[in-house]
Amino acid sequence: MKQFLLFFTITFSFSVMHAQKFGYVNTQELISGLASVKLAENELNSLKNELMIKGEEMVKKFEVEYTAYMNEANAGSLSKVEMQKKEEALIAKREEIQKYEAQMQEKMVAKRDELYQPILDKIKMVIEQIGKEGGYTMIFDTGAGALLHADPAENMLETIKARL
């Protein structure tokens, strides 16, 4: 009985191992080659340029005001009260610039998420469909460096690209 159980366990183990099918794809390569990603990048660059222009204008205005303040202060034409008021105004402008920079970063991250999430969702859906249709047990992402060996015949990049 023990021999039968051992034989059954070994046979079952081999059949399960042979029934498993694995595939892999480099998602970084996949994403970088998509036209929708290039459009998203163009839109992000456009937004970045727009935000940068406003930020540069704020910095230039600050620099002009600071230079004017320094010239007046060095000439001795300002009282201590006037100097303090101008310094407070300059500090407020500097804080406004820093706040704008933080808002700019938040807008860029939000826009990136807005543009990329539908693309990533579609990629995930296609990979799951191919996995189910092809009977794959697992599909690995070589872009994440999680695979040490792979048969080139199991690369799913072209199959996924064709469906996208």
Protein backbone atom coordinates (compact mmCIF):
# COMPACT_ATOMS: atom_id res chain seq x y z
CA MET A 1 0.00 0.00 0.00
CA LYS A 2 2.85 2.37 0.89
CA GLN A 3 4.50 1.68 -2.46
CA PHE A 4 1.26 2.41 -4.30
CA LEU A 5 0.83 5.69 -2.39
CA LEU A 6 4.43 6.68 -3.11
CA PHE A 7 4.04 5.78 -6.80
CA PHE A 8 0.76 7.74 -6.99
CA THR A 9 2.33 10.81 -5.32
CA ILE A 10 5.34 10.80 -7.62
CA THR A 11 3.20 10.28 -10.72
CA PHE A 12 0.81 13.05 -9.66
CA SER A 13 3.71 15.42 -8.96
CA PHE A 14 5.21 14.85 -12.40
CA SER A 15 1.87 15.31 -14.12
CA VAL A 16 1.26 18.58 -12.27
CA MET A 17 4.75 19.86 -13.09
CA HIS A 18 4.33 19.02 -16.76
CA ALA A 19 0.85 20.55 -16.87
CA GLN A 20 2.21 23.94 -15.84
CA LYS A 21 2.90 26.40 -18.60
CA PHE A 22 4.90 29.56 -18.10
CA GLY A 23 5.40 32.66 -20.19
CA TYR A 24 7.19 35.94 -19.82
CA VAL A 25 7.11 39.50 -21.09
CA ASN A 26 9.22 42.59 -20.52
CA THR A 27 6.57 45.14 -19.58
CA GLN A 28 9.03 48.04 -19.75
CA GLU A 29 9.80 47.20 -23.37
CA LEU A 30 6.11 46.68 -24.07
CA ILE A 31 5.08 50.02 -22.55
CA SER A 32 7.85 52.01 -24.21
CA GLY A 33 6.79 50.79 -27.65
CA LEU A 34 3.10 51.70 -27.41
CA ALA A 35 1.76 54.67 -29.38
CA SER A 36 -0.65 55.52 -26.55
CA VAL A 37 2.31 55.91 -24.19
CA LYS A 38 4.03 58.27 -26.62
CA LEU A 39 0.85 60.37 -26.77
CA ALA A 40 0.66 60.39 -22.98
CA GLU A 41 4.31 61.47 -22.74
CA ASN A 42 3.68 64.30 -25.21
CA GLU A 43 0.72 65.47 -23.14
CA LEU A 44 2.78 65.30 -19.94
CA ASN A 45 5.62 67.27 -21.54
CA SER A 46 3.13 69.86 -22.74
CA LEU A 47 1.70 70.26 -19.23
CA LYS A 48 5.19 70.40 -17.74
CA ASN A 49 6.24 73.16 -20.14
CA GLU A 50 3.08 75.14 -19.38
CA LEU A 51 3.65 74.84 -15.62
CA MET A 52 7.35 75.64 -15.95
CA ILE A 53 6.65 78.86 -17.85
CA LYS A 54 4.42 80.13 -15.03
CA GLY A 55 7.01 79.10 -12.44
CA GLU A 56 9.83 80.83 -14.33
CA GLU A 57 7.73 84.01 -14.52
CA MET A 58 7.22 83.90 -10.75
CA VAL A 59 10.96 83.46 -10.18
CA LYS A 60 11.84 86.34 -12.54
CA LYS A 61 9.43 88.67 -10.75
CA PHE A 62 10.92 87.63 -7.43
CA GLU A 63 14.45 88.26 -8.68
CA VAL A 64 13.50 91.73 -9.97
CA GLU A 65 11.89 92.64 -6.64
CA TYR A 66 14.83 91.24 -4.68
CA THR A 67 17.36 93.14 -6.81
CA ALA A 68 15.37 96.36 -6.37
CA TYR A 69 15.21 95.80 -2.62
CA MET A 70 18.96 95.14 -2.39
CA ASN A 71 19.73 98.28 -4.41
CA GLU A 72 17.50 100.40 -2.15
CA ALA A 73 18.90 98.79 1.01
CA ASN A 74 22.52 99.28 -0.11
CA ALA A 75 21.80 102.89 -1.06
CA GLY A 76 20.44 103.47 2.43
CA SER A 77 17.17 104.90 1.14
CA LEU A 78 14.97 102.59 3.23
CA SER A 79 14.08 102.88 6.88
CA LYS A 80 14.23 99.82 9.10
CA VAL A 81 10.43 99.55 9.02
CA GLU A 82 10.38 99.72 5.20
CA MET A 83 13.17 97.15 4.99
CA GLN A 84 11.27 94.80 7.28
CA LYS A 85 8.07 95.16 5.23
CA LYS A 86 9.91 94.48 1.96
CA GLU A 87 11.72 91.50 3.46
CA GLU A 88 8.41 90.06 4.66
CA ALA A 89 6.93 90.56 1.19
CA LEU A 90 9.94 88.82 -0.39
CA ILE A 91 9.69 85.92 2.06
CA ALA A 92 5.99 85.57 1.23
CA LYS A 93 6.78 85.52 -2.51
CA ARG A 94 9.49 82.90 -1.99
CA GLU A 95 7.04 80.74 -0.04
CA GLU A 96 4.49 81.21 -2.83
CA ILE A 97 7.06 79.96 -5.35
CA GLN A 98 7.84 76.94 -3.18
CA LYS A 99 4.12 76.21 -2.81
CA TYR A 100 3.69 76.46 -6.59
CA GLU A 101 6.58 74.02 -7.14
CA ALA A 102 4.92 71.49 -4.81
CA GLN A 103 1.57 71.98 -6.59
CA MET A 104 3.30 71.55 -9.93
CA GLN A 105 4.74 68.20 -8.82
CA GLU A 106 1.33 67.07 -7.55
CA LYS A 107 -0.32 68.05 -10.85
CA MET A 108 2.31 66.15 -12.83
CA VAL A 109 1.88 63.00 -10.73
CA ALA A 110 -1.93 63.22 -10.95
CA LYS A 111 -1.82 63.73 -14.72
CA ARG A 112 0.65 60.86 -15.16
CA ASP A 113 -1.64 58.58 -13.17
CA GLU A 114 -4.67 59.76 -15.16
CA LEU A 115 -2.95 59.08 -18.49
CA TYR A 116 -1.15 55.84 -17.64
CA GLN A 117 -3.74 54.00 -15.56
CA PRO A 118 -6.03 53.13 -18.50
CA ILE A 119 -2.99 51.91 -20.48
CA LEU A 120 -1.76 49.76 -17.59
CA ASP A 121 -5.26 48.40 -16.98
CA LYS A 122 -5.57 47.41 -20.63
CA ILE A 123 -2.16 45.70 -20.58
CA LYS A 124 -3.11 43.77 -17.45
CA MET A 125 -6.43 42.71 -18.99
CA VAL A 126 -4.72 41.47 -22.18
CA ILE A 127 -2.08 39.54 -20.22
CA GLU A 128 -4.80 37.92 -18.12
CA GLN A 129 -6.79 37.01 -21.26
CA ILE A 130 -3.75 35.47 -22.93
CA GLY A 131 -2.89 33.64 -19.74
CA LYS A 132 -6.35 32.11 -19.52
CA GLU A 133 -6.66 31.33 -23.22
CA GLY A 134 -3.17 29.84 -23.46
CA GLY A 135 -3.45 27.86 -20.26
CA TYR A 136 -0.48 29.61 -18.65
CA THR A 137 0.08 28.94 -14.98
CA MET A 138 2.24 32.05 -14.65
CA ILE A 139 3.50 34.87 -16.82
CA PHE A 140 6.61 36.59 -15.51
CA ASP A 141 7.73 40.17 -16.00
CA THR A 142 11.38 40.20 -17.08
CA GLY A 143 11.39 44.01 -16.83
CA ALA A 144 11.22 43.64 -13.06
CA GLY A 145 14.24 41.33 -13.05
CA ALA A 146 12.29 38.46 -11.52
CA LEU A 147 13.33 35.82 -14.05
CA LEU A 148 16.70 34.14 -14.33
CA HIS A 149 16.09 31.87 -17.30
CA ALA A 150 13.55 31.89 -20.08
CA ASP A 151 12.99 30.09 -23.34
CA PRO A 152 12.66 32.75 -26.06
CA ALA A 153 9.73 30.80 -27.49
CA GLU A 154 7.69 31.72 -24.40
CA ASN A 155 8.18 35.49 -24.81
CA MET A 156 4.69 36.97 -24.97
CA LEU A 157 5.69 40.51 -26.05
CA GLU A 158 4.53 40.24 -29.66
CA THR A 159 1.30 38.46 -28.75
CA ILE A 160 0.39 41.17 -26.24
CA LYS A 161 1.40 43.97 -28.65
CA ALA A 162 -0.85 42.50 -31.34
CA ARG A 163 -3.84 42.56 -29.02
CA LEU A 164 -3.19 46.09 -27.82
